[in-house]
Amino acid sequence: MRNAGRVVSQEELLEHVWNEDANLFTHTVKAHINNIRKKLKIAGAGDLISTVKGRGYLL
C-alpha cells in the first residue's frame, strides 16, 4: 500500500518481503500475488492489483 500508484518489480518484492537468500527465478511472488487476488475477489474488492508486463505489479 505504501507504493500505490508505482510499479513494484518481482525482484523488489523478493528483496523487501523475503530474505536475501530467496531465489530470483522462483514463482513465489507470482503465487502469492495470485492468492492475494483470489482473496480480494472473494472479499468483493475486485481487481486492485494490476500486472505491468515485463515490469512488475501496480496497485
PDB file of N, CA and C in Angstrom:
ATOM      1  N   MET A   1       0.825  -1.194   0.000  1.00  0.00           N
ATOM      2  CA  MET A   1       0.000   0.000   0.000  1.00  0.00           C
ATOM      3  C   MET A   1       0.870   1.260   0.000  1.00  0.00           C
ATOM      4  N   ARG A   2       2.061   1.170   0.582  1.00  0.00           N
ATOM      5  CA  ARG A   2       2.952   2.335   0.596  1.00  0.00           C
ATOM      6  C   ARG A   2       3.391   2.738  -0.802  1.00  0.00           C
ATOM      7  N   ASN A   3       3.310   1.798  -1.737  1.00  0.00           N
ATOM      8  CA  ASN A   3       3.764   2.060  -3.096  1.00  0.00           C
ATOM      9  C   ASN A   3       2.613   2.135  -4.094  1.00  0.00           C
ATOM     10  N   ALA A   4       1.418   2.439  -3.622  1.00  0.00           N
ATOM     11  CA  ALA A   4       0.256   2.556  -4.512  1.00  0.00           C
ATOM     12  C   ALA A   4       0.554   3.581  -5.603  1.00  0.00           C
ATOM     13  N   GLY A   5       0.249   3.204  -6.845  1.00  0.00           N
ATOM     14  CA  GLY A   5       0.485   4.096  -7.973  1.00  0.00           C
ATOM     15  C   GLY A   5       1.875   3.964  -8.576  1.00  0.00           C
ATOM     16  N   ARG A   6       2.692   3.084  -8.008  1.00  0.00           N
ATOM     17  CA  ARG A   6       4.048   2.856  -8.515  1.00  0.00           C
ATOM     18  C   ARG A   6       4.215   1.384  -8.843  1.00  0.00           C
ATOM     19  N   VAL A   7       4.838   1.087  -9.977  1.00  0.00           N
ATOM     20  CA  VAL A   7       5.097  -0.302 -10.357  1.00  0.00           C
ATOM     21  C   VAL A   7       6.212  -0.843  -9.465  1.00  0.00           C
ATOM     22  N   VAL A   8       5.950  -2.003  -8.861  1.00  0.00           N
ATOM     23  CA  VAL A   8       6.923  -2.666  -7.997  1.00  0.00           C
ATOM     24  C   VAL A   8       7.308  -3.982  -8.666  1.00  0.00           C
ATOM     25  N   SER A   9       8.602  -4.182  -8.891  1.00  0.00           N
ATOM     26  CA  SER A   9       9.078  -5.377  -9.584  1.00  0.00           C
ATOM     27  C   SER A   9       9.054  -6.596  -8.672  1.00  0.00           C
ATOM     28  N   GLN A  10       9.085  -7.768  -9.298  1.00  0.00           N
ATOM     29  CA  GLN A  10       9.157  -9.013  -8.533  1.00  0.00           C
ATOM     30  C   GLN A  10      10.428  -9.045  -7.691  1.00  0.00           C
ATOM     31  N   GLU A  11      11.523  -8.567  -8.268  1.00  0.00           N
ATOM     32  CA  GLU A  11      12.791  -8.558  -7.551  1.00  0.00           C
ATOM     33  C   GLU A  11      12.707  -7.676  -6.307  1.00  0.00           C
ATOM     34  N   GLU A  12      12.059  -6.528  -6.440  1.00  0.00           N
ATOM     35  CA  GLU A  12      11.912  -5.624  -5.305  1.00  0.00           C
ATOM     36  C   GLU A  12      11.062  -6.267  -4.205  1.00  0.00           C
ATOM     37  N   LEU A  13       9.991  -6.946  -4.606  1.00  0.00           N
ATOM     38  CA  LEU A  13       9.152  -7.641  -3.630  1.00  0.00           C
ATOM     39  C   LEU A  13       9.940  -8.737  -2.927  1.00  0.00           C
ATOM     40  N   LEU A  14      10.687  -9.525  -3.693  1.00  0.00           N
ATOM     41  CA  LEU A  14      11.508 -10.574  -3.085  1.00  0.00           C
ATOM     42  C   LEU A  14      12.503  -9.984  -2.101  1.00  0.00           C
ATOM     43  N   GLU A  15      13.113  -8.878  -2.485  1.00  0.00           N
ATOM     44  CA  GLU A  15      14.134  -8.240  -1.657  1.00  0.00           C
ATOM     45  C   GLU A  15      13.566  -7.702  -0.345  1.00  0.00           C
ATOM     46  N   HIS A  16      12.358  -7.140  -0.401  1.00  0.00           N
ATOM     47  CA  HIS A  16      11.796  -6.494   0.785  1.00  0.00           C
ATOM     48  C   HIS A  16      10.901  -7.397   1.628  1.00  0.00           C
ATOM     49  N   VAL A  17      10.352  -8.439   1.027  1.00  0.00           N
ATOM     50  CA  VAL A  17       9.427  -9.298   1.762  1.00  0.00           C
ATOM     51  C   VAL A  17      10.112 -10.575   2.240  1.00  0.00           C
ATOM     52  N   TRP A  18      10.942 -11.156   1.387  1.00  0.00           N
ATOM     53  CA  TRP A  18      11.658 -12.374   1.748  1.00  0.00           C
ATOM     54  C   TRP A  18      13.107 -12.009   2.011  1.00  0.00           C
ATOM     55  N   ASN A  19      13.883 -12.944   2.529  1.00  0.00           N
ATOM     56  CA  ASN A  19      15.285 -12.641   2.836  1.00  0.00           C
ATOM     57  C   ASN A  19      16.152 -12.641   1.578  1.00  0.00           C
ATOM     58  N   GLU A  20      17.397 -12.267   1.743  1.00  0.00           N
ATOM     59  CA  GLU A  20      18.307 -12.127   0.602  1.00  0.00           C
ATOM     60  C   GLU A  20      18.676 -13.456  -0.036  1.00  0.00           C
ATOM     61  N   ASP A  21      18.356 -14.558   0.616  1.00  0.00           N
ATOM     62  CA  ASP A  21      18.643 -15.879   0.058  1.00  0.00           C
ATOM     63  C   ASP A  21      17.555 -16.374  -0.883  1.00  0.00           C
ATOM     64  N   ALA A  22      16.495 -15.585  -1.073  1.00  0.00           N
ATOM     65  CA  ALA A  22      15.389 -16.000  -1.945  1.00  0.00           C
ATOM     66  C   ALA A  22      15.877 -16.126  -3.385  1.00  0.00           C
ATOM     67  N   ASN A  23      15.399 -17.134  -4.058  1.00  0.00           N
ATOM     68  CA  ASN A  23      15.763 -17.392  -5.447  1.00  0.00           C
ATOM     69  C   ASN A  23      15.002 -16.440  -6.360  1.00  0.00           C
ATOM     70  N   LEU A  24      15.725 -15.642  -7.147  1.00  0.00           N
ATOM     71  CA  LEU A  24      15.092 -14.680  -8.045  1.00  0.00           C
ATOM     72  C   LEU A  24      14.322 -15.342  -9.186  1.00  0.00           C
ATOM     73  N   PHE A  25      14.561 -16.637  -9.405  1.00  0.00           N
ATOM     74  CA  PHE A  25      13.911 -17.327 -10.513  1.00  0.00           C
ATOM     75  C   PHE A  25      12.741 -18.192 -10.049  1.00  0.00           C
ATOM     76  N   THR A  26      12.293 -17.963  -8.859  1.00  0.00           N
ATOM     77  CA  THR A  26      11.183 -18.730  -8.314  1.00  0.00           C
ATOM     78  C   THR A  26       9.849 -18.090  -8.706  1.00  0.00           C
ATOM     79  N   HIS A  27       8.788 -18.830  -8.569  1.00  0.00           N
ATOM     80  CA  HIS A  27       7.441 -18.323  -8.855  1.00  0.00           C
ATOM     81  C   HIS A  27       6.734 -17.917  -7.572  1.00  0.00           C
ATOM     82  N   THR A  28       7.509 -17.719  -6.504  1.00  0.00           N
ATOM     83  CA  THR A  28       6.946 -17.375  -5.204  1.00  0.00           C
ATOM     84  C   THR A  28       6.096 -16.117  -5.273  1.00  0.00           C
ATOM     85  N   VAL A  29       6.619 -15.065  -5.880  1.00  0.00           N
ATOM     86  CA  VAL A  29       5.880 -13.797  -5.951  1.00  0.00           C
ATOM     87  C   VAL A  29       4.601 -13.983  -6.751  1.00  0.00           C
ATOM     88  N   LYS A  30       4.693 -14.630  -7.898  1.00  0.00           N
ATOM     89  CA  LYS A  30       3.508 -14.855  -8.735  1.00  0.00           C
ATOM     90  C   LYS A  30       2.446 -15.640  -7.974  1.00  0.00           C
ATOM     91  N   ALA A  31       2.870 -16.653  -7.249  1.00  0.00           N
ATOM     92  CA  ALA A  31       1.927 -17.468  -6.489  1.00  0.00           C
ATOM     93  C   ALA A  31       1.256 -16.657  -5.392  1.00  0.00           C
ATOM     94  N   HIS A  32       2.015 -15.850  -4.680  1.00  0.00           N
ATOM     95  CA  HIS A  32       1.440 -15.035  -3.607  1.00  0.00           C
ATOM     96  C   HIS A  32       0.507 -13.959  -4.163  1.00  0.00           C
ATOM     97  N   ILE A  33       0.891 -13.324  -5.256  1.00  0.00           N
ATOM     98  CA  ILE A  33       0.024 -12.318  -5.882  1.00  0.00           C
ATOM     99  C   ILE A  33      -1.273 -12.977  -6.323  1.00  0.00           C
ATOM    100  N   ASN A  34      -1.190 -14.156  -6.898  1.00  0.00           N
ATOM    101  CA  ASN A  34      -2.386 -14.885  -7.331  1.00  0.00           C
ATOM    102  C   ASN A  34      -3.303 -15.183  -6.140  1.00  0.00           C
ATOM    103  N   ASN A  35      -2.731 -15.626  -5.016  1.00  0.00           N
ATOM    104  CA  ASN A  35      -3.527 -15.904  -3.814  1.00  0.00           C
ATOM    105  C   ASN A  35      -4.164 -14.638  -3.255  1.00  0.00           C
ATOM    106  N   ILE A  36      -3.414 -13.550  -3.245  1.00  0.00           N
ATOM    107  CA  ILE A  36      -3.964 -12.273  -2.762  1.00  0.00           C
ATOM    108  C   ILE A  36      -5.112 -11.835  -3.661  1.00  0.00           C
ATOM    109  N   ARG A  37      -4.948 -11.971  -4.974  1.00  0.00           N
ATOM    110  CA  ARG A  37      -6.018 -11.595  -5.912  1.00  0.00           C
ATOM    111  C   ARG A  37      -7.289 -12.408  -5.657  1.00  0.00           C
ATOM    112  N   LYS A  38      -7.134 -13.713  -5.421  1.00  0.00           N
ATOM    113  CA  LYS A  38      -8.286 -14.570  -5.137  1.00  0.00           C
ATOM    114  C   LYS A  38      -9.012 -14.114  -3.872  1.00  0.00           C
ATOM    115  N   LYS A  39      -8.258 -13.815  -2.832  1.00  0.00           N
ATOM    116  CA  LYS A  39      -8.852 -13.377  -1.570  1.00  0.00           C
ATOM    117  C   LYS A  39      -9.547 -12.030  -1.718  1.00  0.00           C
ATOM    118  N   LEU A  40      -8.951 -11.120  -2.481  1.00  0.00           N
ATOM    119  CA  LEU A  40      -9.577  -9.825  -2.723  1.00  0.00           C
ATOM    120  C   LEU A  40     -10.885  -9.990  -3.506  1.00  0.00           C
ATOM    121  N   LYS A  41     -10.882 -10.901  -4.471  1.00  0.00           N
ATOM    122  CA  LYS A  41     -12.088 -11.149  -5.267  1.00  0.00           C
ATOM    123  C   LYS A  41     -13.205 -11.701  -4.382  1.00  0.00           C
ATOM    124  N   ILE A  42     -12.871 -12.641  -3.521  1.00  0.00           N
ATOM    125  CA  ILE A  42     -13.853 -13.218  -2.604  1.00  0.00           C
ATOM    126  C   ILE A  42     -14.425 -12.144  -1.684  1.00  0.00           C
ATOM    127  N   ALA A  43     -13.566 -11.207  -1.273  1.00  0.00           N
ATOM    128  CA  ALA A  43     -13.984 -10.125  -0.377  1.00  0.00           C
ATOM    129  C   ALA A  43     -14.754  -9.031  -1.105  1.00  0.00           C
ATOM    130  N   GLY A  44     -14.841  -9.155  -2.444  1.00  0.00           N
ATOM    131  CA  GLY A  44     -15.573  -8.174  -3.229  1.00  0.00           C
ATOM    132  C   GLY A  44     -14.785  -6.927  -3.576  1.00  0.00           C
ATOM    133  N   ALA A  45     -13.458  -7.005  -3.435  1.00  0.00           N
ATOM    134  CA  ALA A  45     -12.620  -5.835  -3.683  1.00  0.00           C
ATOM    135  C   ALA A  45     -12.257  -5.657  -5.159  1.00  0.00           C
ATOM    136  N   GLY A  46     -12.528  -6.661  -5.975  1.00  0.00           N
ATOM    137  CA  GLY A  46     -12.229  -6.532  -7.398  1.00  0.00           C
ATOM    138  C   GLY A  46     -10.756  -6.652  -7.714  1.00  0.00           C
ATOM    139  N   ASP A  47     -10.385  -6.112  -8.861  1.00  0.00           N
ATOM    140  CA  ASP A  47      -9.004  -6.209  -9.343  1.00  0.00           C
ATOM    141  C   ASP A  47      -8.182  -5.009  -8.885  1.00  0.00           C
ATOM    142  N   LEU A  48      -7.622  -5.093  -7.702  1.00  0.00           N
ATOM    143  CA  LEU A  48      -6.819  -3.994  -7.171  1.00  0.00           C
ATOM    144  C   LEU A  48      -5.363  -4.061  -7.619  1.00  0.00           C
ATOM    145  N   ILE A  49      -4.902  -5.262  -7.963  1.00  0.00           N
ATOM    146  CA  ILE A  49      -3.509  -5.447  -8.355  1.00  0.00           C
ATOM    147  C   ILE A  49      -3.452  -5.688  -9.857  1.00  0.00           C
ATOM    148  N   SER A  50      -2.707  -4.841 -10.545  1.00  0.00           N
ATOM    149  CA  SER A  50      -2.520  -4.990 -11.993  1.00  0.00           C
ATOM    150  C   SER A  50      -1.116  -5.492 -12.271  1.00  0.00           C
ATOM    151  N   THR A  51      -0.984  -6.308 -13.306  1.00  0.00           N
ATOM    152  CA  THR A  51       0.329  -6.746 -13.747  1.00  0.00           C
ATOM    153  C   THR A  51       0.766  -5.832 -14.878  1.00  0.00           C
ATOM    154  N   VAL A  52       1.958  -5.293 -14.748  1.00  0.00           N
ATOM    155  CA  VAL A  52       2.547  -4.476 -15.807  1.00  0.00           C
ATOM    156  C   VAL A  52       3.613  -5.361 -16.442  1.00  0.00           C
ATOM    157  N   LYS A  53       3.277  -5.919 -17.595  1.00  0.00           N
ATOM    158  CA  LYS A  53       4.117  -6.919 -18.244  1.00  0.00           C
ATOM    159  C   LYS A  53       5.565  -6.448 -18.386  1.00  0.00           C
ATOM    160  N   GLY A  54       6.466  -7.292 -17.917  1.00  0.00           N
ATOM    161  CA  GLY A  54       7.891  -7.011 -18.001  1.00  0.00           C
ATOM    162  C   GLY A  54       8.420  -6.052 -16.952  1.00  0.00           C
ATOM    163  N   ARG A  55       7.524  -5.526 -16.100  1.00  0.00           N
ATOM    164  CA  ARG A  55       7.958  -4.539 -15.095  1.00  0.00           C
ATOM    165  C   ARG A  55       7.603  -4.937 -13.679  1.00  0.00           C
ATOM    166  N   GLY A  56       6.381  -5.440 -13.435  1.00  0.00           N
ATOM    167  CA  GLY A  56       6.002  -5.816 -12.076  1.00  0.00           C
ATOM    168  C   GLY A  56       4.517  -5.656 -11.812  1.00  0.00           C
ATOM    169  N   TYR A  57       4.190  -5.181 -10.621  1.00  0.00           N
ATOM    170  CA  TYR A  57       2.790  -5.088 -10.180  1.00  0.00           C
ATOM    171  C   TYR A  57       2.471  -3.666  -9.754  1.00  0.00           C
ATOM    172  N   LEU A  58       1.199  -3.318  -9.905  1.00  0.00           N
ATOM    173  CA  LEU A  58       0.739  -1.965  -9.611  1.00  0.00           C
ATOM    174  C   LEU A  58      -0.557  -2.034  -8.845  1.00  0.00           C
ATOM    175  N   LEU A  59      -0.659  -1.238  -7.758  1.00  0.00           N
ATOM    176  CA  LEU A  59      -1.910  -1.111  -7.001  1.00  0.00           C
ATOM    177  C   LEU A  59      -2.667   0.075  -7.495  1.00  0.00           C
TER     178      LEU A  59
END
